[in-house]
Amino acid sequence: MQRIKKGDLVRLISGDEATKEGLVLKVNLKKNTAIVEGLNIVKKHKKANPQKQEEKGGIVSFEAPIPLCKLALVVPKAPRGVSKIAYKLDKNNNKVRFVKKTQSEIAVGKKK
């Protein structure tokens, strides 16, 4: 079960850009990857397409997908800022996410 949602603030826990943070723009559950704003920037050489006037050639930079196992949710109240997430039912029998260490609730897909 995936615990990271679109709009969450996450931190990269391994790799060249470890400890950098960004917002999740898109999550691909089939491939278990996420695209994070400002992280894992790659460059691609793109050829111009004369049939489509708006497509120009050149070097294009964009965010590449990151495996979800390399991301941790950033929680301001948790020690070290990152924590594990679990689900529970609230008083109205709605499924909510909560931080295991502090037992505080997180809104689903809340933009920070």
PDB file of N, CA and C in Angstrom:
ATOM      1  N   MET A   1       0.848  -1.184   0.000  1.00  0.00           N
ATOM      2  CA  MET A   1       0.000   0.000   0.000  1.00  0.00           C
ATOM      3  C   MET A   1       0.891   1.245   0.000  1.00  0.00           C
ATOM      4  N   GLN A   2       0.579   2.175  -0.865  1.00  0.00           N
ATOM      5  CA  GLN A   2       1.393   3.373  -1.006  1.00  0.00           C
ATOM      6  C   GLN A   2       0.984   4.438  -0.003  1.00  0.00           C
ATOM      7  N   ARG A   3       1.949   5.017   0.681  1.00  0.00           N
ATOM      8  CA  ARG A   3       1.665   5.999   1.712  1.00  0.00           C
ATOM      9  C   ARG A   3       2.025   7.430   1.314  1.00  0.00           C
ATOM     10  N   ILE A   4       2.697   7.606   0.177  1.00  0.00           N
ATOM     11  CA  ILE A   4       3.052   8.941  -0.297  1.00  0.00           C
ATOM     12  C   ILE A   4       2.058   9.355  -1.364  1.00  0.00           C
ATOM     13  N   LYS A   5       1.504  10.557  -1.214  1.00  0.00           N
ATOM     14  CA  LYS A   5       0.463  11.044  -2.119  1.00  0.00           C
ATOM     15  C   LYS A   5       0.941  12.293  -2.847  1.00  0.00           C
ATOM     16  N   LYS A   6       0.197  12.661  -3.875  1.00  0.00           N
ATOM     17  CA  LYS A   6       0.471  13.886  -4.622  1.00  0.00           C
ATOM     18  C   LYS A   6       0.291  15.082  -3.692  1.00  0.00           C
ATOM     19  N   GLY A   7       1.249  16.011  -3.723  1.00  0.00           N
ATOM     20  CA  GLY A   7       1.173  17.201  -2.894  1.00  0.00           C
ATOM     21  C   GLY A   7       1.915  17.092  -1.573  1.00  0.00           C
ATOM     22  N   ASP A   8       2.450  15.923  -1.240  1.00  0.00           N
ATOM     23  CA  ASP A   8       3.200  15.752   0.001  1.00  0.00           C
ATOM     24  C   ASP A   8       4.605  16.326  -0.137  1.00  0.00           C
ATOM     25  N   LEU A   9       5.139  16.787   0.975  1.00  0.00           N
ATOM     26  CA  LEU A   9       6.528  17.246   1.031  1.00  0.00           C
ATOM     27  C   LEU A   9       7.377  16.046   1.420  1.00  0.00           C
ATOM     28  N   VAL A  10       8.330  15.674   0.555  1.00  0.00           N
ATOM     29  CA  VAL A  10       9.158  14.492   0.798  1.00  0.00           C
ATOM     30  C   VAL A  10      10.634  14.852   0.770  1.00  0.00           C
ATOM     31  N   ARG A  11      11.438  13.972   1.370  1.00  0.00           N
ATOM     32  CA  ARG A  11      12.889  14.125   1.390  1.00  0.00           C
ATOM     33  C   ARG A  11      13.512  12.891   0.756  1.00  0.00           C
ATOM     34  N   LEU A  12      14.511  13.107  -0.069  1.00  0.00           N
ATOM     35  CA  LEU A  12      15.244  12.014  -0.696  1.00  0.00           C
ATOM     36  C   LEU A  12      16.216  11.449   0.330  1.00  0.00           C
ATOM     37  N   ILE A  13      16.198  10.134   0.543  1.00  0.00           N
ATOM     38  CA  ILE A  13      17.003   9.558   1.616  1.00  0.00           C
ATOM     39  C   ILE A  13      18.286   8.890   1.136  1.00  0.00           C
ATOM     40  N   SER A  14      18.457   8.752  -0.185  1.00  0.00           N
ATOM     41  CA  SER A  14      19.710   8.185  -0.684  1.00  0.00           C
ATOM     42  C   SER A  14      19.984   8.721  -2.078  1.00  0.00           C
ATOM     43  N   GLY A  15      21.211   8.553  -2.515  1.00  0.00           N
ATOM     44  CA  GLY A  15      21.595   9.002  -3.838  1.00  0.00           C
ATOM     45  C   GLY A  15      22.398  10.290  -3.798  1.00  0.00           C
ATOM     46  N   ASP A  16      22.628  10.863  -4.974  1.00  0.00           N
ATOM     47  CA  ASP A  16      23.439  12.073  -5.089  1.00  0.00           C
ATOM     48  C   ASP A  16      22.776  13.276  -4.432  1.00  0.00           C
ATOM     49  N   GLU A  17      21.467  13.340  -4.474  1.00  0.00           N
ATOM     50  CA  GLU A  17      20.744  14.490  -3.933  1.00  0.00           C
ATOM     51  C   GLU A  17      20.101  14.177  -2.583  1.00  0.00           C
ATOM     52  N   ALA A  18      20.742  13.326  -1.776  1.00  0.00           N
ATOM     53  CA  ALA A  18      20.192  12.943  -0.478  1.00  0.00           C
ATOM     54  C   ALA A  18      19.996  14.171   0.396  1.00  0.00           C
ATOM     55  N   THR A  19      18.966  14.174   1.179  1.00  0.00           N
ATOM     56  CA  THR A  19      18.518  15.222   2.118  1.00  0.00           C
ATOM     57  C   THR A  19      17.873  16.420   1.424  1.00  0.00           C
ATOM     58  N   LYS A  20      17.716  16.400   0.115  1.00  0.00           N
ATOM     59  CA  LYS A  20      16.987  17.480  -0.556  1.00  0.00           C
ATOM     60  C   LYS A  20      15.491  17.197  -0.474  1.00  0.00           C
ATOM     61  N   GLU A  21      14.698  18.266  -0.434  1.00  0.00           N
ATOM     62  CA  GLU A  21      13.255  18.134  -0.269  1.00  0.00           C
ATOM     63  C   GLU A  21      12.515  18.737  -1.452  1.00  0.00           C
ATOM     64  N   GLY A  22      11.283  18.266  -1.666  1.00  0.00           N
ATOM     65  CA  GLY A  22      10.450  18.806  -2.728  1.00  0.00           C
ATOM     66  C   GLY A  22       9.027  18.269  -2.624  1.00  0.00           C
ATOM     67  N   LEU A  23       8.113  18.867  -3.391  1.00  0.00           N
ATOM     68  CA  LEU A  23       6.723  18.439  -3.422  1.00  0.00           C
ATOM     69  C   LEU A  23       6.523  17.353  -4.468  1.00  0.00           C
ATOM     70  N   VAL A  24       5.680  16.384  -4.153  1.00  0.00           N
ATOM     71  CA  VAL A  24       5.365  15.313  -5.089  1.00  0.00           C
ATOM     72  C   VAL A  24       4.386  15.861  -6.113  1.00  0.00           C
ATOM     73  N   LEU A  25       4.763  15.779  -7.397  1.00  0.00           N
ATOM     74  CA  LEU A  25       3.905  16.250  -8.480  1.00  0.00           C
ATOM     75  C   LEU A  25       3.022  15.142  -9.029  1.00  0.00           C
ATOM     76  N   LYS A  26       3.561  13.915  -9.061  1.00  0.00           N
ATOM     77  CA  LYS A  26       2.839  12.807  -9.670  1.00  0.00           C
ATOM     78  C   LYS A  26       3.341  11.499  -9.068  1.00  0.00           C
ATOM     79  N   VAL A  27       2.433  10.533  -8.857  1.00  0.00           N
ATOM     80  CA  VAL A  27       2.796   9.218  -8.340  1.00  0.00           C
ATOM     81  C   VAL A  27       2.335   8.168  -9.338  1.00  0.00           C
ATOM     82  N   ASN A  28       3.230   7.259  -9.713  1.00  0.00           N
ATOM     83  CA  ASN A  28       2.896   6.153 -10.611  1.00  0.00           C
ATOM     84  C   ASN A  28       2.910   4.872  -9.785  1.00  0.00           C
ATOM     85  N   LEU A  29       1.720   4.347  -9.461  1.00  0.00           N
ATOM     86  CA  LEU A  29       1.626   3.172  -8.603  1.00  0.00           C
ATOM     87  C   LEU A  29       2.062   1.891  -9.308  1.00  0.00           C
ATOM     88  N   LYS A  30       1.902   1.810 -10.620  1.00  0.00           N
ATOM     89  CA  LYS A  30       2.298   0.604 -11.338  1.00  0.00           C
ATOM     90  C   LYS A  30       3.810   0.418 -11.333  1.00  0.00           C
ATOM     91  N   LYS A  31       4.538   1.513 -11.450  1.00  0.00           N
ATOM     92  CA  LYS A  31       6.000   1.437 -11.472  1.00  0.00           C
ATOM     93  C   LYS A  31       6.625   1.762 -10.113  1.00  0.00           C
ATOM     94  N   ASN A  32       5.805   2.119  -9.110  1.00  0.00           N
ATOM     95  CA  ASN A  32       6.278   2.506  -7.775  1.00  0.00           C
ATOM     96  C   ASN A  32       7.294   3.639  -7.846  1.00  0.00           C
ATOM     97  N   THR A  33       6.942   4.683  -8.590  1.00  0.00           N
ATOM     98  CA  THR A  33       7.806   5.847  -8.719  1.00  0.00           C
ATOM     99  C   THR A  33       7.003   7.116  -8.484  1.00  0.00           C
ATOM    100  N   ALA A  34       7.717   8.198  -8.243  1.00  0.00           N
ATOM    101  CA  ALA A  34       7.094   9.506  -8.075  1.00  0.00           C
ATOM    102  C   ALA A  34       7.963  10.555  -8.748  1.00  0.00           C
ATOM    103  N   ILE A  35       7.317  11.612  -9.223  1.00  0.00           N
ATOM    104  CA  ILE A  35       8.039  12.750  -9.771  1.00  0.00           C
ATOM    105  C   ILE A  35       7.979  13.851  -8.727  1.00  0.00           C
ATOM    106  N   VAL A  36       9.157  14.313  -8.306  1.00  0.00           N
ATOM    107  CA  VAL A  36       9.266  15.303  -7.241  1.00  0.00           C
ATOM    108  C   VAL A  36       9.809  16.594  -7.827  1.00  0.00           C
ATOM    109  N   GLU A  37       9.190  17.699  -7.453  1.00  0.00           N
ATOM    110  CA  GLU A  37       9.547  19.010  -7.972  1.00  0.00           C
ATOM    111  C   GLU A  37      10.976  19.381  -7.564  1.00  0.00           C
ATOM    112  N   GLY A  38      11.825  19.632  -8.547  1.00  0.00           N
ATOM    113  CA  GLY A  38      13.180  20.097  -8.298  1.00  0.00           C
ATOM    114  C   GLY A  38      14.195  19.009  -7.981  1.00  0.00           C
ATOM    115  N   LEU A  39      13.802  17.738  -7.994  1.00  0.00           N
ATOM    116  CA  LEU A  39      14.731  16.648  -7.706  1.00  0.00           C
ATOM    117  C   LEU A  39      14.886  15.752  -8.922  1.00  0.00           C
ATOM    118  N   ASN A  40      16.069  15.155  -9.060  1.00  0.00           N
ATOM    119  CA  ASN A  40      16.379  14.217 -10.134  1.00  0.00           C
ATOM    120  C   ASN A  40      16.163  14.856 -11.507  1.00  0.00           C
ATOM    121  N   ILE A  41      16.712  16.047 -11.683  1.00  0.00           N
ATOM    122  CA  ILE A  41      16.605  16.774 -12.951  1.00  0.00           C
ATOM    123  C   ILE A  41      17.542  16.132 -13.968  1.00  0.00           C
ATOM    124  N   VAL A  42      17.002  15.789 -15.130  1.00  0.00           N
ATOM    125  CA  VAL A  42      17.800  15.229 -16.214  1.00  0.00           C
ATOM    126  C   VAL A  42      17.632  16.097 -17.452  1.00  0.00           C
ATOM    127  N   LYS A  43      18.590  15.995 -18.368  1.00  0.00           N
ATOM    128  CA  LYS A  43      18.535  16.760 -19.615  1.00  0.00           C
ATOM    129  C   LYS A  43      18.400  15.803 -20.775  1.00  0.00           C
ATOM    130  N   LYS A  44      17.616  16.210 -21.756  1.00  0.00           N
ATOM    131  CA  LYS A  44      17.368  15.378 -22.918  1.00  0.00           C
ATOM    132  C   LYS A  44      17.508  16.233 -24.166  1.00  0.00           C
ATOM    133  N   HIS A  45      18.195  15.710 -25.157  1.00  0.00           N
ATOM    134  CA  HIS A  45      18.320  16.398 -26.437  1.00  0.00           C
ATOM    135  C   HIS A  45      17.083  16.088 -27.263  1.00  0.00           C
ATOM    136  N   LYS A  46      16.395  17.136 -27.698  1.00  0.00           N
ATOM    137  CA  LYS A  46      15.147  16.965 -28.423  1.00  0.00           C
ATOM    138  C   LYS A  46      15.272  17.578 -29.812  1.00  0.00           C
ATOM    139  N   LYS A  47      14.825  16.818 -30.801  1.00  0.00           N
ATOM    140  CA  LYS A  47      14.869  17.289 -32.173  1.00  0.00           C
ATOM    141  C   LYS A  47      13.615  18.095 -32.472  1.00  0.00           C
ATOM    142  N   ALA A  48      13.765  19.166 -33.236  1.00  0.00           N
ATOM    143  CA  ALA A  48      12.624  20.011 -33.599  1.00  0.00           C
ATOM    144  C   ALA A  48      11.695  19.251 -34.536  1.00  0.00           C
ATOM    145  N   ASN A  49      10.401  19.514 -34.400  1.00  0.00           N
ATOM    146  CA  ASN A  49       9.402  18.896 -35.257  1.00  0.00           C
ATOM    147  C   ASN A  49       8.760  19.988 -36.109  1.00  0.00           C
ATOM    148  N   PRO A  50       9.071  20.051 -37.406  1.00  0.00           N
ATOM    149  CA  PRO A  50       8.523  21.126 -38.238  1.00  0.00           C
ATOM    150  C   PRO A  50       7.017  21.016 -38.463  1.00  0.00           C
ATOM    151  N   GLN A  51       6.432  19.830 -38.304  1.00  0.00           N
ATOM    152  CA  GLN A  51       4.992  19.678 -38.466  1.00  0.00           C
ATOM    153  C   GLN A  51       4.232  20.326 -37.315  1.00  0.00           C
ATOM    154  N   LYS A  52       4.834  20.316 -36.140  1.00  0.00           N
ATOM    155  CA  LYS A  52       4.233  20.986 -34.987  1.00  0.00           C
ATOM    156  C   LYS A  52       5.060  22.235 -34.711  1.00  0.00           C
ATOM    157  N   GLN A  53       4.489  23.380 -34.972  1.00  0.00           N
ATOM    158  CA  GLN A  53       5.219  24.648 -34.863  1.00  0.00           C
ATOM    159  C   GLN A  53       5.692  24.920 -33.430  1.00  0.00           C
ATOM    160  N   GLU A  54       4.935  24.484 -32.421  1.00  0.00           N
ATOM    161  CA  GLU A  54       5.270  24.827 -31.037  1.00  0.00           C
ATOM    162  C   GLU A  54       6.439  24.005 -30.487  1.00  0.00           C
ATOM    163  N   GLU A  55       6.770  22.864 -31.108  1.00  0.00           N
ATOM    164  CA  GLU A  55       7.874  22.046 -30.614  1.00  0.00           C
ATOM    165  C   GLU A  55       9.185  22.516 -31.220  1.00  0.00           C
ATOM    166  N   LYS A  56      10.052  23.026 -30.367  1.00  0.00           N
ATOM    167  CA  LYS A  56      11.361  23.485 -30.813  1.00  0.00           C
ATOM    168  C   LYS A  56      12.417  22.486 -30.365  1.00  0.00           C
ATOM    169  N   GLY A  57      13.519  22.479 -31.053  1.00  0.00           N
ATOM    170  CA  GLY A  57      14.603  21.582 -30.699  1.00  0.00           C
ATOM    171  C   GLY A  57      15.505  22.200 -29.642  1.00  0.00           C
ATOM    172  N   GLY A  58      16.378  21.395 -29.095  1.00  0.00           N
ATOM    173  CA  GLY A  58      17.332  21.876 -28.110  1.00  0.00           C
ATOM    174  C   GLY A  58      17.444  20.923 -26.940  1.00  0.00           C
ATOM    175  N   ILE A  59      18.062  21.408 -25.887  1.00  0.00           N
ATOM    176  CA  ILE A  59      18.239  20.612 -24.680  1.00  0.00           C
ATOM    177  C   ILE A  59      17.119  20.963 -23.711  1.00  0.00           C
ATOM    178  N   VAL A  60      16.359  19.939 -23.295  1.00  0.00           N
ATOM    179  CA  VAL A  60      15.206  20.129 -22.419  1.00  0.00           C
ATOM    180  C   VAL A  60      15.508  19.511 -21.062  1.00  0.00           C
ATOM    181  N   SER A  61      15.255  20.246 -19.974  1.00  0.00           N
ATOM    182  CA  SER A  61      15.426  19.727 -18.617  1.00  0.00           C
ATOM    183  C   SER A  61      14.065  19.378 -18.036  1.00  0.00           C
ATOM    184  N   PHE A  62      13.990  18.235 -17.340  1.00  0.00           N
ATOM    185  CA  PHE A  62      12.751  17.835 -16.701  1.00  0.00           C
ATOM    186  C   PHE A  62      13.065  16.904 -15.530  1.00  0.00           C
ATOM    187  N   GLU A  63      12.061  16.695 -14.646  1.00  0.00           N
ATOM    188  CA  GLU A  63      12.226  15.823 -13.494  1.00  0.00           C
ATOM    189  C   GLU A  63      11.969  14.379 -13.909  1.00  0.00           C
ATOM    190  N   ALA A  64      12.900  13.503 -13.594  1.00  0.00           N
ATOM    191  CA  ALA A  64      12.740  12.080 -13.889  1.00  0.00           C
ATOM    192  C   ALA A  64      12.121  11.391 -12.669  1.00  0.00           C
ATOM    193  N   PRO A  65      11.455  10.253 -12.864  1.00  0.00           N
ATOM    194  CA  PRO A  65      10.837   9.543 -11.742  1.00  0.00           C
ATOM    195  C   PRO A  65      11.873   9.027 -10.744  1.00  0.00           C
ATOM    196  N   ILE A  66      11.458   8.975  -9.474  1.00  0.00           N
ATOM    197  CA  ILE A  66      12.299   8.482  -8.383  1.00  0.00           C
ATOM    198  C   ILE A  66      11.562   7.305  -7.742  1.00  0.00           C
ATOM    199  N   PRO A  67      12.244   6.210  -7.429  1.00  0.00           N
ATOM    200  CA  PRO A  67      11.579   5.098  -6.738  1.00  0.00           C
ATOM    201  C   PRO A  67      11.034   5.541  -5.374  1.00  0.00           C
ATOM    202  N   LEU A  68       9.846   5.043  -5.034  1.00  0.00           N
ATOM    203  CA  LEU A  68       9.203   5.460  -3.790  1.00  0.00           C
ATOM    204  C   LEU A  68       9.972   5.018  -2.554  1.00  0.00           C
ATOM    205  N   CYS A  69      10.760   3.954  -2.663  1.00  0.00           N
ATOM    206  CA  CYS A  69      11.515   3.479  -1.505  1.00  0.00           C
ATOM    207  C   CYS A  69      12.626   4.452  -1.113  1.00  0.00           C
ATOM    208  N   LYS A  70      12.969   5.391  -1.993  1.00  0.00           N
ATOM    209  CA  LYS A  70      14.017   6.368  -1.699  1.00  0.00           C
ATOM    210  C   LYS A  70      13.457   7.676  -1.171  1.00  0.00           C
ATOM    211  N   LEU A  71      12.135   7.750  -0.940  1.00  0.00           N
ATOM    212  CA  LEU A  71      11.490   8.967  -0.463  1.00  0.00           C
ATOM    213  C   LEU A  71      10.929   8.763   0.936  1.00  0.00           C
ATOM    214  N   ALA A  72      11.012   9.809   1.756  1.00  0.00           N
ATOM    215  CA  ALA A  72      10.429   9.789   3.096  1.00  0.00           C
ATOM    216  C   ALA A  72       9.595  11.051   3.275  1.00  0.00           C
ATOM    217  N   LEU A  73       8.454  10.911   3.904  1.00  0.00           N
ATOM    218  CA  LEU A  73       7.565  12.044   4.141  1.00  0.00           C
ATOM    219  C   LEU A  73       8.173  12.964   5.188  1.00  0.00           C
ATOM    220  N   VAL A  74       8.139  14.273   4.938  1.00  0.00           N
ATOM    221  CA  VAL A  74       8.662  15.256   5.882  1.00  0.00           C
ATOM    222  C   VAL A  74       7.520  15.725   6.771  1.00  0.00           C
ATOM    223  N   VAL A  75       7.703  15.546   8.083  1.00  0.00           N
ATOM    224  CA  VAL A  75       6.713  15.969   9.070  1.00  0.00           C
ATOM    225  C   VAL A  75       7.395  16.931  10.019  1.00  0.00           C
ATOM    226  N   PRO A  76       6.905  18.179  10.133  1.00  0.00           N
ATOM    227  CA  PRO A  76       7.604  19.164  10.955  1.00  0.00           C
ATOM    228  C   PRO A  76       7.688  18.806  12.441  1.00  0.00           C
ATOM    229  N   LYS A  77       6.693  18.134  12.991  1.00  0.00           N
ATOM    230  CA  LYS A  77       6.673  17.849  14.425  1.00  0.00           C
ATOM    231  C   LYS A  77       7.453  16.605  14.797  1.00  0.00           C
ATOM    232  N   ALA A  78       7.813  15.778  13.824  1.00  0.00           N
ATOM    233  CA  ALA A  78       8.513  14.527  14.103  1.00  0.00           C
ATOM    234  C   ALA A  78       9.999  14.784  14.327  1.00  0.00           C
ATOM    235  N   PRO A  79      10.650  13.945  15.148  1.00  0.00           N
ATOM    236  CA  PRO A  79      12.092  14.080  15.300  1.00  0.00           C
ATOM    237  C   PRO A  79      12.793  13.807  13.980  1.00  0.00           C
ATOM    238  N   ARG A  80      13.809  14.569  13.656  1.00  0.00           N
ATOM    239  CA  ARG A  80      14.561  14.516  12.399  1.00  0.00           C
ATOM    240  C   ARG A  80      13.736  14.955  11.197  1.00  0.00           C
ATOM    241  N   GLY A  81      12.463  15.226  11.376  1.00  0.00           N
ATOM    242  CA  GLY A  81      11.652  15.738  10.286  1.00  0.00           C
ATOM    243  C   GLY A  81      11.012  14.703   9.390  1.00  0.00           C
ATOM    244  N   VAL A  82      11.459  13.438   9.450  1.00  0.00           N
ATOM    245  CA  VAL A  82      10.854  12.395   8.620  1.00  0.00           C
ATOM    246  C   VAL A  82      10.316  11.294   9.523  1.00  0.00           C
ATOM    247  N   SER A  83       9.294  10.619   9.050  1.00  0.00           N
ATOM    248  CA  SER A  83       8.693   9.596   9.882  1.00  0.00           C
ATOM    249  C   SER A  83       7.980   8.567   9.035  1.00  0.00           C
ATOM    250  N   LYS A  84       7.620   7.462   9.667  1.00  0.00           N
ATOM    251  CA  LYS A  84       6.829   6.428   9.014  1.00  0.00           C
ATOM    252  C   LYS A  84       5.356   6.789   9.135  1.00  0.00           C
ATOM    253  N   ILE A  85       4.576   6.296   8.169  1.00  0.00           N
ATOM    254  CA  ILE A  85       3.166   6.645   8.085  1.00  0.00           C
ATOM    255  C   ILE A  85       2.334   5.380   8.195  1.00  0.00           C
ATOM    256  N   ALA A  86       1.172   5.499   8.820  1.00  0.00           N
ATOM    257  CA  ALA A  86       0.227   4.388   8.905  1.00  0.00           C
ATOM    258  C   ALA A  86      -1.176   4.942   8.710  1.00  0.00           C
ATOM    259  N   TYR A  87      -2.143   4.049   8.618  1.00  0.00           N
ATOM    260  CA  TYR A  87      -3.540   4.450   8.447  1.00  0.00           C
ATOM    261  C   TYR A  87      -4.351   3.996   9.649  1.00  0.00           C
ATOM    262  N   LYS A  88      -5.384   4.758   9.977  1.00  0.00           N
ATOM    263  CA  LYS A  88      -6.342   4.351  11.010  1.00  0.00           C
ATOM    264  C   LYS A  88      -7.683   5.003  10.685  1.00  0.00           C
ATOM    265  N   LEU A  89      -8.716   4.585  11.380  1.00  0.00           N
ATOM    266  CA  LEU A  89     -10.048   5.152  11.202  1.00  0.00           C
ATOM    267  C   LEU A  89     -10.281   6.220  12.259  1.00  0.00           C
ATOM    268  N   ASP A  90     -10.857   7.361  11.853  1.00  0.00           N
ATOM    269  CA  ASP A  90     -11.156   8.409  12.816  1.00  0.00           C
ATOM    270  C   ASP A  90     -12.548   8.175  13.405  1.00  0.00           C
ATOM    271  N   LYS A  91     -13.084   9.168  14.120  1.00  0.00           N
ATOM    272  CA  LYS A  91     -14.375   9.040  14.801  1.00  0.00           C
ATOM    273  C   LYS A  91     -15.530   8.814  13.834  1.00  0.00           C
ATOM    274  N   ASN A  92     -15.407   9.353  12.615  1.00  0.00           N
ATOM    275  CA  ASN A  92     -16.465   9.221  11.613  1.00  0.00           C
ATOM    276  C   ASN A  92     -16.245   8.034  10.678  1.00  0.00           C
ATOM    277  N   ASN A  93     -15.361   7.100  11.064  1.00  0.00           N
ATOM    278  CA  ASN A  93     -15.003   5.935  10.253  1.00  0.00           C
ATOM    279  C   ASN A  93     -14.423   6.315   8.894  1.00  0.00           C
ATOM    280  N   ASN A  94     -13.696   7.420   8.841  1.00  0.00           N
ATOM    281  CA  ASN A  94     -12.959   7.819   7.645  1.00  0.00           C
ATOM    282  C   ASN A  94     -11.507   7.389   7.811  1.00  0.00           C
ATOM    283  N   LYS A  95     -10.923   6.903   6.732  1.00  0.00           N
ATOM    284  CA  LYS A  95      -9.533   6.462   6.760  1.00  0.00           C
ATOM    285  C   LYS A  95      -8.625   7.678   6.683  1.00  0.00           C
ATOM    286  N   VAL A  96      -7.736   7.837   7.670  1.00  0.00           N
ATOM    287  CA  VAL A  96      -6.812   8.968   7.702  1.00  0.00           C
ATOM    288  C   VAL A  96      -5.387   8.451   7.890  1.00  0.00           C
ATOM    289  N   ARG A  97      -4.420   9.236   7.388  1.00  0.00           N
ATOM    290  CA  ARG A  97      -3.010   8.919   7.585  1.00  0.00           C
ATOM    291  C   ARG A  97      -2.553   9.554   8.890  1.00  0.00           C
ATOM    292  N   PHE A  98      -1.644   8.874   9.596  1.00  0.00           N
ATOM    293  CA  PHE A  98      -1.073   9.466  10.794  1.00  0.00           C
ATOM    294  C   PHE A  98       0.393   9.089  10.905  1.00  0.00           C
ATOM    295  N   VAL A  99       1.133   9.923  11.636  1.00  0.00           N
ATOM    296  CA  VAL A  99       2.561   9.719  11.857  1.00  0.00           C
ATOM    297  C   VAL A  99       2.715   8.760  13.029  1.00  0.00           C
ATOM    298  N   LYS A 100       3.515   7.718  12.862  1.00  0.00           N
ATOM    299  CA  LYS A 100       3.647   6.701  13.903  1.00  0.00           C
ATOM    300  C   LYS A 100       4.313   7.237  15.177  1.00  0.00           C
ATOM    301  N   LYS A 101       5.323   8.083  15.028  1.00  0.00           N
ATOM    302  CA  LYS A 101       6.042   8.560  16.217  1.00  0.00           C
ATOM    303  C   LYS A 101       5.222   9.533  17.053  1.00  0.00           C
ATOM    304  N   THR A 102       4.577  10.501  16.404  1.00  0.00           N
ATOM    305  CA  THR A 102       3.854  11.531  17.147  1.00  0.00           C
ATOM    306  C   THR A 102       2.362  11.270  17.250  1.00  0.00           C
ATOM    307  N   GLN A 103       1.850  10.287  16.515  1.00  0.00           N
ATOM    308  CA  GLN A 103       0.429   9.952  16.475  1.00  0.00           C
ATOM    309  C   GLN A 103      -0.445  11.107  15.995  1.00  0.00           C
ATOM    310  N   SER A 104       0.130  12.046  15.252  1.00  0.00           N
ATOM    311  CA  SER A 104      -0.644  13.167  14.710  1.00  0.00           C
ATOM    312  C   SER A 104      -1.141  12.812  13.313  1.00  0.00           C
ATOM    313  N   GLU A 105      -2.327  13.314  12.982  1.00  0.00           N
ATOM    314  CA  GLU A 105      -2.964  13.010  11.705  1.00  0.00           C
ATOM    315  C   GLU A 105      -2.393  13.877  10.583  1.00  0.00           C
ATOM    316  N   ILE A 106      -2.422  13.309   9.371  1.00  0.00           N
ATOM    317  CA  ILE A 106      -2.001  14.016   8.159  1.00  0.00           C
ATOM    318  C   ILE A 106      -3.181  13.982   7.213  1.00  0.00           C
ATOM    319  N   ALA A 107      -3.539  15.122   6.646  1.00  0.00           N
ATOM    320  CA  ALA A 107      -4.615  15.147   5.665  1.00  0.00           C
ATOM    321  C   ALA A 107      -4.158  14.471   4.380  1.00  0.00           C
ATOM    322  N   VAL A 108      -5.028  13.720   3.749  1.00  0.00           N
ATOM    323  CA  VAL A 108      -4.672  12.976   2.534  1.00  0.00           C
ATOM    324  C   VAL A 108      -4.510  13.951   1.376  1.00  0.00           C
ATOM    325  N   GLY A 109      -3.339  13.907   0.731  1.00  0.00           N
ATOM    326  CA  GLY A 109      -3.071  14.744  -0.429  1.00  0.00           C
ATOM    327  C   GLY A 109      -3.036  16.223  -0.126  1.00  0.00           C
ATOM    328  N   LYS A 110      -2.760  16.585   1.121  1.00  0.00           N
ATOM    329  CA  LYS A 110      -2.739  17.990   1.503  1.00  0.00           C
ATOM    330  C   LYS A 110      -1.504  18.671   0.941  1.00  0.00           C
ATOM    331  N   LYS A 111      -1.694  19.823   0.308  1.00  0.00           N
ATOM    332  CA  LYS A 111      -0.556  20.580  -0.231  1.00  0.00           C
ATOM    333  C   LYS A 111       0.027  21.429   0.876  1.00  0.00           C
ATOM    334  N   LYS A 112       1.357  21.403   0.940  1.00  0.00           N
ATOM    335  CA  LYS A 112       2.044  22.148   2.001  1.00  0.00           C
ATOM    336  C   LYS A 112       2.746  23.343   1.433  1.00  0.00           C
TER     337      LYS A 112
END
